[in-house]
Amino acid sequence: VSHRPNEIQGEWGTIEIDEITAPREIALSLRARGGAPASHTADR
């Protein structure tokens, strides 16, 4: 059994996904760049 999230890493940020069979909780984390602050948002 594993409970780790699924992850997509980009150069500007990361997308985290709860279940790959049925994505319901999706989090977007962006690092600070180009004068914009770091941010974190979550979609249900």
All heavy atoms as atom14 arrays in JSON, in Angstrom:
{
  "sequence": "VSHRPNEIQGEWGTIEIDEITAPREIALSLRARGGAPASHTADR",
  "atom14_mask": [
    [1, 1, 1, 1, 1, 1, 1, 0, 0, 0, 0, 0, 0, 0],
    [1, 1, 1, 1, 1, 1, 0, 0, 0, 0, 0, 0, 0, 0],
    [1, 1, 1, 1, 1, 1, 1, 1, 1, 1, 0, 0, 0, 0],
    [1, 1, 1, 1, 1, 1, 1, 1, 1, 1, 1, 0, 0, 0],
    [1, 1, 1, 1, 1, 1, 1, 0, 0, 0, 0, 0, 0, 0],
    [1, 1, 1, 1, 1, 1, 1, 1, 0, 0, 0, 0, 0, 0],
    [1, 1, 1, 1, 1, 1, 1, 1, 1, 0, 0, 0, 0, 0],
    [1, 1, 1, 1, 1, 1, 1, 1, 0, 0, 0, 0, 0, 0],
    [1, 1, 1, 1, 1, 1, 1, 1, 1, 0, 0, 0, 0, 0],
    [1, 1, 1, 1, 0, 0, 0, 0, 0, 0, 0, 0, 0, 0],
    [1, 1, 1, 1, 1, 1, 1, 1, 1, 0, 0, 0, 0, 0],
    [1, 1, 1, 1, 1, 1, 1, 1, 1, 1, 1, 1, 1, 1],
    [1, 1, 1, 1, 0, 0, 0, 0, 0, 0, 0, 0, 0, 0],
    [1, 1, 1, 1, 1, 1, 1, 0, 0, 0, 0, 0, 0, 0],
    [1, 1, 1, 1, 1, 1, 1, 1, 0, 0, 0, 0, 0, 0],
    [1, 1, 1, 1, 1, 1, 1, 1, 1, 0, 0, 0, 0, 0],
    [1, 1, 1, 1, 1, 1, 1, 1, 0, 0, 0, 0, 0, 0],
    [1, 1, 1, 1, 1, 1, 1, 1, 0, 0, 0, 0, 0, 0],
    [1, 1, 1, 1, 1, 1, 1, 1, 1, 0, 0, 0, 0, 0],
    [1, 1, 1, 1, 1, 1, 1, 1, 0, 0, 0, 0, 0, 0],
    [1, 1, 1, 1, 1, 1, 1, 0, 0, 0, 0, 0, 0, 0],
    [1, 1, 1, 1, 1, 0, 0, 0, 0, 0, 0, 0, 0, 0],
    [1, 1, 1, 1, 1, 1, 1, 0, 0, 0, 0, 0, 0, 0],
    [1, 1, 1, 1, 1, 1, 1, 1, 1, 1, 1, 0, 0, 0],
    [1, 1, 1, 1, 1, 1, 1, 1, 1, 0, 0, 0, 0, 0],
    [1, 1, 1, 1, 1, 1, 1, 1, 0, 0, 0, 0, 0, 0],
    [1, 1, 1, 1, 1, 0, 0, 0, 0, 0, 0, 0, 0, 0],
    [1, 1, 1, 1, 1, 1, 1, 1, 0, 0, 0, 0, 0, 0],
    [1, 1, 1, 1, 1, 1, 0, 0, 0, 0, 0, 0, 0, 0],
    [1, 1, 1, 1, 1, 1, 1, 1, 0, 0, 0, 0, 0, 0],
    [1, 1, 1, 1, 1, 1, 1, 1, 1, 1, 1, 0, 0, 0],
    [1, 1, 1, 1, 1, 0, 0, 0, 0, 0, 0, 0, 0, 0],
    [1, 1, 1, 1, 1, 1, 1, 1, 1, 1, 1, 0, 0, 0],
    [1, 1, 1, 1, 0, 0, 0, 0, 0, 0, 0, 0, 0, 0],
    [1, 1, 1, 1, 0, 0, 0, 0, 0, 0, 0, 0, 0, 0],
    [1, 1, 1, 1, 1, 0, 0, 0, 0, 0, 0, 0, 0, 0],
    [1, 1, 1, 1, 1, 1, 1, 0, 0, 0, 0, 0, 0, 0],
    [1, 1, 1, 1, 1, 0, 0, 0, 0, 0, 0, 0, 0, 0],
    [1, 1, 1, 1, 1, 1, 0, 0, 0, 0, 0, 0, 0, 0],
    [1, 1, 1, 1, 1, 1, 1, 1, 1, 1, 0, 0, 0, 0],
    [1, 1, 1, 1, 1, 1, 1, 0, 0, 0, 0, 0, 0, 0],
    [1, 1, 1, 1, 1, 0, 0, 0, 0, 0, 0, 0, 0, 0],
    [1, 1, 1, 1, 1, 1, 1, 1, 0, 0, 0, 0, 0, 0],
    [1, 1, 1, 1, 1, 1, 1, 1, 1, 1, 1, 0, 0, 0]
  ],
  "atom14_positions": [
    [[0.85, -1.2, 0.0], [0.0, 0.0, 0.0], [0.88, 1.24, 0.0], [1.93, 1.27, 0.64], [-0.92, 0.03, 1.24], [-1.74, 1.32, 1.26], [-1.84, -1.18, 1.25], [0.0, 0.0, 0.0], [0.0, 0.0, 0.0], [0.0, 0.0, 0.0], [0.0, 0.0, 0.0], [0.0, 0.0, 0.0], [0.0, 0.0, 0.0], [0.0, 0.0, 0.0]],
    [[0.46, 2.26, -0.73], [1.15, 3.55, -0.71], [0.11, 4.66, -0.61], [-0.96, 4.58, -1.23], [1.98, 3.74, -1.98], [2.52, 5.04, -2.02], [0.0, 0.0, 0.0], [0.0, 0.0, 0.0], [0.0, 0.0, 0.0], [0.0, 0.0, 0.0], [0.0, 0.0, 0.0], [0.0, 0.0, 0.0], [0.0, 0.0, 0.0], [0.0, 0.0, 0.0]],
    [[0.45, 5.68, 0.16], [-0.44, 6.84, 0.29], [0.25, 8.11, -0.2], [-0.24, 9.21, 0.04], [-0.86, 7.0, 1.75], [-1.58, 5.81, 2.3], [-2.84, 5.45, 1.88], [-1.19, 4.88, 3.22], [-3.22, 4.34, 2.53], [-2.23, 3.99, 3.34], [0.0, 0.0, 0.0], [0.0, 0.0, 0.0], [0.0, 0.0, 0.0], [0.0, 0.0, 0.0]],
    [[1.36, 7.96, -0.89], [2.07, 9.15, -1.36], [1.31, 9.79, -2.52], [0.66, 9.1, -3.32], [3.48, 8.78, -1.8], [3.57, 7.97, -3.08], [5.02, 7.81, -3.53], [5.16, 7.04, -4.75], [5.0, 7.55, -5.97], [4.68, 8.82, -6.12], [5.16, 6.8, -7.04], [0.0, 0.0, 0.0], [0.0, 0.0, 0.0], [0.0, 0.0, 0.0]],
    [[1.39, 11.11, -2.63], [0.72, 11.78, -3.75], [1.47, 11.57, -5.05], [2.65, 11.17, -5.06], [0.75, 13.24, -3.33], [1.96, 13.36, -2.47], [2.03, 12.04, -1.72], [0.0, 0.0, 0.0], [0.0, 0.0, 0.0], [0.0, 0.0, 0.0], [0.0, 0.0, 0.0], [0.0, 0.0, 0.0], [0.0, 0.0, 0.0], [0.0, 0.0, 0.0]],
    [[0.81, 11.84, -6.14], [1.43, 11.84, -7.46], [1.91, 13.26, -7.75], [1.29, 14.24, -7.3], [0.42, 11.39, -8.51], [-0.11, 10.0, -8.22], [0.49, 9.01, -8.57], [-1.26, 9.92, -7.54], [0.0, 0.0, 0.0], [0.0, 0.0, 0.0], [0.0, 0.0, 0.0], [0.0, 0.0, 0.0], [0.0, 0.0, 0.0], [0.0, 0.0, 0.0]],
    [[2.98, 13.38, -8.52], [3.6, 14.69, -8.65], [4.12, 14.93, -10.06], [4.66, 14.03, -10.7], [4.75, 14.78, -7.65], [5.34, 16.16, -7.48], [6.41, 16.17, -6.4], [7.5, 15.61, -6.65], [6.15, 16.72, -5.31], [0.0, 0.0, 0.0], [0.0, 0.0, 0.0], [0.0, 0.0, 0.0], [0.0, 0.0, 0.0], [0.0, 0.0, 0.0]],
    [[3.96, 16.17, -10.51], [4.54, 16.64, -11.76], [5.4, 17.84, -11.43], [4.9, 18.86, -10.94], [3.46, 17.03, -12.79], [2.5, 15.86, -13.06], [4.11, 17.49, -14.1], [1.32, 16.23, -13.93], [0.0, 0.0, 0.0], [0.0, 0.0, 0.0], [0.0, 0.0, 0.0], [0.0, 0.0, 0.0], [0.0, 0.0, 0.0], [0.0, 0.0, 0.0]],
    [[6.7, 17.75, -11.68], [7.63, 18.83, -11.37], [8.02, 19.57, -12.63], [8.52, 18.98, -13.59], [8.89, 18.28, -10.71], [8.69, 17.64, -9.36], [9.99, 17.11, -8.79], [11.07, 17.58, -9.16], [9.9, 16.15, -7.9], [0.0, 0.0, 0.0], [0.0, 0.0, 0.0], [0.0, 0.0, 0.0], [0.0, 0.0, 0.0], [0.0, 0.0, 0.0]],
    [[7.78, 20.88, -12.61], [8.24, 21.75, -13.68], [9.31, 22.69, -13.17], [9.57, 22.75, -11.96], [0.0, 0.0, 0.0], [0.0, 0.0, 0.0], [0.0, 0.0, 0.0], [0.0, 0.0, 0.0], [0.0, 0.0, 0.0], [0.0, 0.0, 0.0], [0.0, 0.0, 0.0], [0.0, 0.0, 0.0], [0.0, 0.0, 0.0], [0.0, 0.0, 0.0]],
    [[9.92, 23.45, -14.05], [10.96, 24.38, -13.63], [10.4, 25.56, -12.83], [11.13, 26.2, -12.08], [11.73, 24.89, -14.85], [12.54, 23.8, -15.54], [13.43, 24.35, -16.64], [13.47, 25.59, -16.83], [14.09, 23.54, -17.32], [0.0, 0.0, 0.0], [0.0, 0.0, 0.0], [0.0, 0.0, 0.0], [0.0, 0.0, 0.0], [0.0, 0.0, 0.0]],
    [[9.11, 25.83, -12.98], [8.52, 26.96, -12.28], [7.65, 26.54, -11.09], [7.26, 27.37, -10.29], [7.65, 27.79, -13.22], [8.35, 28.22, -14.47], [9.69, 28.31, -14.69], [7.72, 28.65, -15.68], [9.95, 28.74, -15.96], [8.77, 28.96, -16.6], [6.4, 28.8, -16.1], [8.51, 29.43, -17.88], [6.14, 29.25, -17.39], [7.19, 29.55, -18.28]],
    [[7.31, 25.26, -11.02], [6.44, 24.83, -9.93], [6.09, 23.36, -10.02], [6.65, 22.62, -10.84], [0.0, 0.0, 0.0], [0.0, 0.0, 0.0], [0.0, 0.0, 0.0], [0.0, 0.0, 0.0], [0.0, 0.0, 0.0], [0.0, 0.0, 0.0], [0.0, 0.0, 0.0], [0.0, 0.0, 0.0], [0.0, 0.0, 0.0], [0.0, 0.0, 0.0]],
    [[5.16, 22.95, -9.17], [4.82, 21.53, -9.03], [3.3, 21.36, -8.94], [2.61, 22.17, -8.32], [5.47, 20.96, -7.75], [6.88, 21.1, -7.85], [5.12, 19.49, -7.57], [0.0, 0.0, 0.0], [0.0, 0.0, 0.0], [0.0, 0.0, 0.0], [0.0, 0.0, 0.0], [0.0, 0.0, 0.0], [0.0, 0.0, 0.0], [0.0, 0.0, 0.0]],
    [[2.82, 20.29, -9.57], [1.42, 19.89, -9.44], [1.38, 18.6, -8.65], [2.09, 17.65, -8.98], [0.75, 19.68, -10.82], [0.76, 20.98, -11.62], [-0.68, 19.17, -10.65], [0.33, 20.79, -13.07], [0.0, 0.0, 0.0], [0.0, 0.0, 0.0], [0.0, 0.0, 0.0], [0.0, 0.0, 0.0], [0.0, 0.0, 0.0], [0.0, 0.0, 0.0]],
    [[0.55, 18.57, -7.61], [0.4, 17.38, -6.78], [-1.02, 16.85, -6.94], [-1.99, 17.62, -6.89], [0.68, 17.74, -5.32], [0.91, 16.57, -4.42], [1.36, 17.0, -3.03], [2.57, 17.24, -2.84], [0.49, 17.11, -2.13], [0.0, 0.0, 0.0], [0.0, 0.0, 0.0], [0.0, 0.0, 0.0], [0.0, 0.0, 0.0], [0.0, 0.0, 0.0]],
    [[-1.14, 15.55, -7.14], [-2.44, 14.9, -7.43], [-2.66, 13.8, -6.41], [-1.76, 13.01, -6.12], [-2.43, 14.3, -8.84], [-2.0, 15.34, -9.88], [-3.79, 13.7, -9.2], [-1.55, 14.74, -11.19], [0.0, 0.0, 0.0], [0.0, 0.0, 0.0], [0.0, 0.0, 0.0], [0.0, 0.0, 0.0], [0.0, 0.0, 0.0], [0.0, 0.0, 0.0]],
    [[-3.88, 13.72, -5.87], [-4.14, 12.7, -4.84], [-4.19, 11.29, -5.43], [-3.35, 10.46, -5.12], [-5.4, 13.04, -4.05], [-6.65, 13.14, -4.91], [-6.54, 13.23, -6.15], [-7.77, 13.14, -4.34], [0.0, 0.0, 0.0], [0.0, 0.0, 0.0], [0.0, 0.0, 0.0], [0.0, 0.0, 0.0], [0.0, 0.0, 0.0], [0.0, 0.0, 0.0]],
    [[-5.18, 11.0, -6.25], [-5.37, 9.65, -6.79], [-5.24, 9.69, -8.3], [-5.97, 10.42, -8.97], [-6.74, 9.1, -6.41], [-6.94, 8.85, -4.92], [-6.12, 7.67, -4.43], [-5.72, 6.83, -5.26], [-5.86, 7.59, -3.21], [0.0, 0.0, 0.0], [0.0, 0.0, 0.0], [0.0, 0.0, 0.0], [0.0, 0.0, 0.0], [0.0, 0.0, 0.0]],
    [[-4.36, 8.87, -8.85], [-4.16, 8.89, -10.29], [-5.33, 8.23, -11.01], [-5.55, 8.47, -12.2], [-2.82, 8.22, -10.66], [-2.3, 8.78, -12.0], [-2.94, 6.71, -10.7], [-1.98, 10.26, -11.97], [0.0, 0.0, 0.0], [0.0, 0.0, 0.0], [0.0, 0.0, 0.0], [0.0, 0.0, 0.0], [0.0, 0.0, 0.0], [0.0, 0.0, 0.0]],
    [[-6.1, 7.38, -10.33], [-7.26, 6.74, -10.96], [-8.47, 7.67, -11.02], [-9.33, 7.51, -11.88], [-7.66, 5.47, -10.2], [-7.92, 5.8, -8.83], [-6.57, 4.42, -10.28], [0.0, 0.0, 0.0], [0.0, 0.0, 0.0], [0.0, 0.0, 0.0], [0.0, 0.0, 0.0], [0.0, 0.0, 0.0], [0.0, 0.0, 0.0], [0.0, 0.0, 0.0]],
    [[-8.53, 8.65, -10.1], [-9.65, 9.59, -10.06], [-9.18, 10.86, -9.37], [-9.42, 11.06, -8.18], [-10.84, 8.99, -9.32], [0.0, 0.0, 0.0], [0.0, 0.0, 0.0], [0.0, 0.0, 0.0], [0.0, 0.0, 0.0], [0.0, 0.0, 0.0], [0.0, 0.0, 0.0], [0.0, 0.0, 0.0], [0.0, 0.0, 0.0], [0.0, 0.0, 0.0]],
    [[-8.49, 11.75, -10.09], [-7.94, 12.97, -9.46], [-9.05, 13.86, -8.9], [-9.93, 14.3, -9.63], [-7.22, 13.65, -10.62], [-6.97, 12.58, -11.63], [-8.14, 11.66, -11.51], [0.0, 0.0, 0.0], [0.0, 0.0, 0.0], [0.0, 0.0, 0.0], [0.0, 0.0, 0.0], [0.0, 0.0, 0.0], [0.0, 0.0, 0.0], [0.0, 0.0, 0.0]],
    [[-8.98, 14.12, -7.59], [-9.98, 14.98, -6.95], [-9.33, 16.15, -6.21], [-9.88, 17.23, -6.17], [-10.85, 14.15, -5.99], [-11.77, 13.17, -6.69], [-12.83, 13.87, -7.52], [-13.6, 12.97, -8.37], [-13.32, 12.71, -9.64], [-12.26, 13.27, -10.21], [-14.07, 11.89, -10.34], [0.0, 0.0, 0.0], [0.0, 0.0, 0.0], [0.0, 0.0, 0.0]],
    [[-8.2, 15.92, -5.58], [-7.47, 16.99, -4.89], [-6.21, 17.3, -5.71], [-5.32, 16.46, -5.84], [-7.08, 16.55, -3.48], [-8.25, 16.14, -2.6], [-9.1, 17.33, -2.16], [-8.61, 18.47, -2.27], [-10.24, 17.11, -1.72], [0.0, 0.0, 0.0], [0.0, 0.0, 0.0], [0.0, 0.0, 0.0], [0.0, 0.0, 0.0], [0.0, 0.0, 0.0]],
    [[-6.16, 18.5, -6.26], [-5.04, 18.89, -7.12], [-4.46, 20.19, -6.59], [-5.15, 21.2, -6.48], [-5.52, 19.07, -8.58], [-6.14, 17.77, -9.09], [-4.36, 19.5, -9.47], [-6.84, 17.91, -10.42], [0.0, 0.0, 0.0], [0.0, 0.0, 0.0], [0.0, 0.0, 0.0], [0.0, 0.0, 0.0], [0.0, 0.0, 0.0], [0.0, 0.0, 0.0]],
    [[-3.19, 20.14, -6.22], [-2.52, 21.31, -5.65], [-1.47, 21.83, -6.61], [-0.71, 21.06, -7.22], [-1.87, 20.96, -4.32], [0.0, 0.0, 0.0], [0.0, 0.0, 0.0], [0.0, 0.0, 0.0], [0.0, 0.0, 0.0], [0.0, 0.0, 0.0], [0.0, 0.0, 0.0], [0.0, 0.0, 0.0], [0.0, 0.0, 0.0], [0.0, 0.0, 0.0]],
    [[-1.42, 23.15, -6.74], [-0.44, 23.82, -7.6], [0.45, 24.7, -6.75], [-0.03, 25.6, -6.05], [-1.16, 24.67, -8.66], [-0.29, 25.59, -9.51], [0.64, 24.79, -10.4], [-1.17, 26.53, -10.34], [0.0, 0.0, 0.0], [0.0, 0.0, 0.0], [0.0, 0.0, 0.0], [0.0, 0.0, 0.0], [0.0, 0.0, 0.0], [0.0, 0.0, 0.0]],
    [[1.75, 24.44, -6.77], [2.72, 25.25, -6.03], [3.68, 25.88, -7.03], [4.32, 25.18, -7.82], [3.5, 24.38, -5.04], [2.63, 23.81, -4.08], [0.0, 0.0, 0.0], [0.0, 0.0, 0.0], [0.0, 0.0, 0.0], [0.0, 0.0, 0.0], [0.0, 0.0, 0.0], [0.0, 0.0, 0.0], [0.0, 0.0, 0.0], [0.0, 0.0, 0.0]],
    [[3.78, 27.2, -6.99], [4.66, 27.94, -7.88], [5.75, 28.62, -7.06], [5.47, 29.24, -6.03], [3.87, 28.99, -8.67], [2.75, 28.46, -9.58], [2.01, 29.61, -10.24], [3.31, 27.51, -10.63], [0.0, 0.0, 0.0], [0.0, 0.0, 0.0], [0.0, 0.0, 0.0], [0.0, 0.0, 0.0], [0.0, 0.0, 0.0], [0.0, 0.0, 0.0]],
    [[6.99, 28.52, -7.51], [8.08, 29.17, -6.81], [8.14, 30.65, -7.19], [7.6, 31.06, -8.24], [9.41, 28.48, -7.13], [9.87, 28.61, -8.56], [11.26, 28.01, -8.75], [11.73, 28.13, -10.12], [12.29, 29.23, -10.63], [12.43, 30.32, -9.87], [12.73, 29.25, -11.88], [0.0, 0.0, 0.0], [0.0, 0.0, 0.0], [0.0, 0.0, 0.0]],
    [[8.77, 31.44, -6.36], [8.93, 32.86, -6.67], [9.84, 33.01, -7.89], [10.9, 32.39, -7.97], [9.54, 33.57, -5.47], [0.0, 0.0, 0.0], [0.0, 0.0, 0.0], [0.0, 0.0, 0.0], [0.0, 0.0, 0.0], [0.0, 0.0, 0.0], [0.0, 0.0, 0.0], [0.0, 0.0, 0.0], [0.0, 0.0, 0.0], [0.0, 0.0, 0.0]],
    [[9.4, 33.81, -8.84], [10.21, 34.02, -10.05], [9.75, 35.29, -10.75], [8.56, 35.65, -10.71], [10.13, 32.83, -11.01], [8.72, 32.47, -11.43], [8.7, 31.27, -12.37], [9.27, 31.54, -13.65], [8.57, 31.99, -14.7], [7.27, 32.25, -14.57], [9.17, 32.18, -15.84], [0.0, 0.0, 0.0], [0.0, 0.0, 0.0], [0.0, 0.0, 0.0]],
    [[10.68, 35.98, -11.38], [10.35, 37.17, -12.16], [9.64, 38.24, -11.36], [8.81, 38.97, -11.92], [0.0, 0.0, 0.0], [0.0, 0.0, 0.0], [0.0, 0.0, 0.0], [0.0, 0.0, 0.0], [0.0, 0.0, 0.0], [0.0, 0.0, 0.0], [0.0, 0.0, 0.0], [0.0, 0.0, 0.0], [0.0, 0.0, 0.0], [0.0, 0.0, 0.0]],
    [[9.92, 38.33, -10.08], [9.27, 39.33, -9.25], [7.94, 38.89, -8.66], [7.4, 39.57, -7.78], [0.0, 0.0, 0.0], [0.0, 0.0, 0.0], [0.0, 0.0, 0.0], [0.0, 0.0, 0.0], [0.0, 0.0, 0.0], [0.0, 0.0, 0.0], [0.0, 0.0, 0.0], [0.0, 0.0, 0.0], [0.0, 0.0, 0.0], [0.0, 0.0, 0.0]],
    [[7.4, 37.76, -9.13], [6.14, 37.25, -8.57], [6.43, 36.41, -7.34], [7.42, 35.68, -7.3], [5.41, 36.42, -9.61], [0.0, 0.0, 0.0], [0.0, 0.0, 0.0], [0.0, 0.0, 0.0], [0.0, 0.0, 0.0], [0.0, 0.0, 0.0], [0.0, 0.0, 0.0], [0.0, 0.0, 0.0], [0.0, 0.0, 0.0], [0.0, 0.0, 0.0]],
    [[5.6, 36.51, -6.3], [5.84, 35.73, -5.09], [5.49, 34.25, -5.29], [4.77, 33.89, -6.23], [4.89, 36.36, -4.07], [3.76, 36.89, -4.92], [4.41, 37.36, -6.19], [0.0, 0.0, 0.0], [0.0, 0.0, 0.0], [0.0, 0.0, 0.0], [0.0, 0.0, 0.0], [0.0, 0.0, 0.0], [0.0, 0.0, 0.0], [0.0, 0.0, 0.0]],
    [[6.01, 33.41, -4.43], [5.62, 32.01, -4.45], [4.14, 31.89, -4.1], [3.58, 32.73, -3.38], [6.46, 31.22, -3.45], [0.0, 0.0, 0.0], [0.0, 0.0, 0.0], [0.0, 0.0, 0.0], [0.0, 0.0, 0.0], [0.0, 0.0, 0.0], [0.0, 0.0, 0.0], [0.0, 0.0, 0.0], [0.0, 0.0, 0.0], [0.0, 0.0, 0.0]],
    [[3.49, 30.86, -4.62], [2.06, 30.7, -4.34], [1.7, 29.22, -4.25], [2.4, 28.36, -4.78], [1.21, 31.36, -5.43], [1.38, 30.71, -6.67], [0.0, 0.0, 0.0], [0.0, 0.0, 0.0], [0.0, 0.0, 0.0], [0.0, 0.0, 0.0], [0.0, 0.0, 0.0], [0.0, 0.0, 0.0], [0.0, 0.0, 0.0], [0.0, 0.0, 0.0]],
    [[0.59, 28.95, -3.57], [0.08, 27.59, -3.44], [-1.44, 27.65, -3.5], [-2.07, 28.38, -2.74], [0.52, 26.96, -2.13], [0.0, 25.57, -1.93], [0.64, 24.45, -2.46], [-1.11, 25.11, -1.31], [-0.05, 23.37, -2.15], [-1.11, 23.74, -1.45], [0.0, 0.0, 0.0], [0.0, 0.0, 0.0], [0.0, 0.0, 0.0], [0.0, 0.0, 0.0]],
    [[-2.02, 26.92, -4.43], [-3.47, 26.85, -4.55], [-3.9, 25.4, -4.61], [-3.13, 24.53, -5.04], [-3.98, 27.58, -5.81], [-3.34, 27.01, -6.97], [-3.67, 29.07, -5.74], [0.0, 0.0, 0.0], [0.0, 0.0, 0.0], [0.0, 0.0, 0.0], [0.0, 0.0, 0.0], [0.0, 0.0, 0.0], [0.0, 0.0, 0.0], [0.0, 0.0, 0.0]],
    [[-5.11, 25.13, -4.19], [-5.64, 23.76, -4.2], [-7.01, 23.75, -4.84], [-7.86, 24.6, -4.54], [-5.71, 23.21, -2.78], [0.0, 0.0, 0.0], [0.0, 0.0, 0.0], [0.0, 0.0, 0.0], [0.0, 0.0, 0.0], [0.0, 0.0, 0.0], [0.0, 0.0, 0.0], [0.0, 0.0, 0.0], [0.0, 0.0, 0.0], [0.0, 0.0, 0.0]],
    [[-7.22, 22.79, -5.73], [-8.52, 22.6, -6.39], [-9.18, 21.34, -5.86], [-8.52, 20.31, -5.67], [-8.34, 22.43, -7.91], [-8.05, 23.74, -8.61], [-8.12, 24.79, -7.94], [-7.76, 23.72, -9.81], [0.0, 0.0, 0.0], [0.0, 0.0, 0.0], [0.0, 0.0, 0.0], [0.0, 0.0, 0.0], [0.0, 0.0, 0.0], [0.0, 0.0, 0.0]],
    [[-10.47, 21.42, -5.64], [-11.26, 20.24, -5.35], [-12.15, 19.98, -6.55], [-13.0, 20.8, -6.89], [-12.11, 20.44, -4.09], [-13.15, 19.34, -3.84], [-12.51, 18.0, -3.56], [-13.51, 16.93, -3.52], [-13.21, 15.65, -3.35], [-11.96, 15.28, -3.2], [-14.14, 14.73, -3.35], [0.0, 0.0, 0.0], [0.0, 0.0, 0.0], [0.0, 0.0, 0.0]]
  ]
}
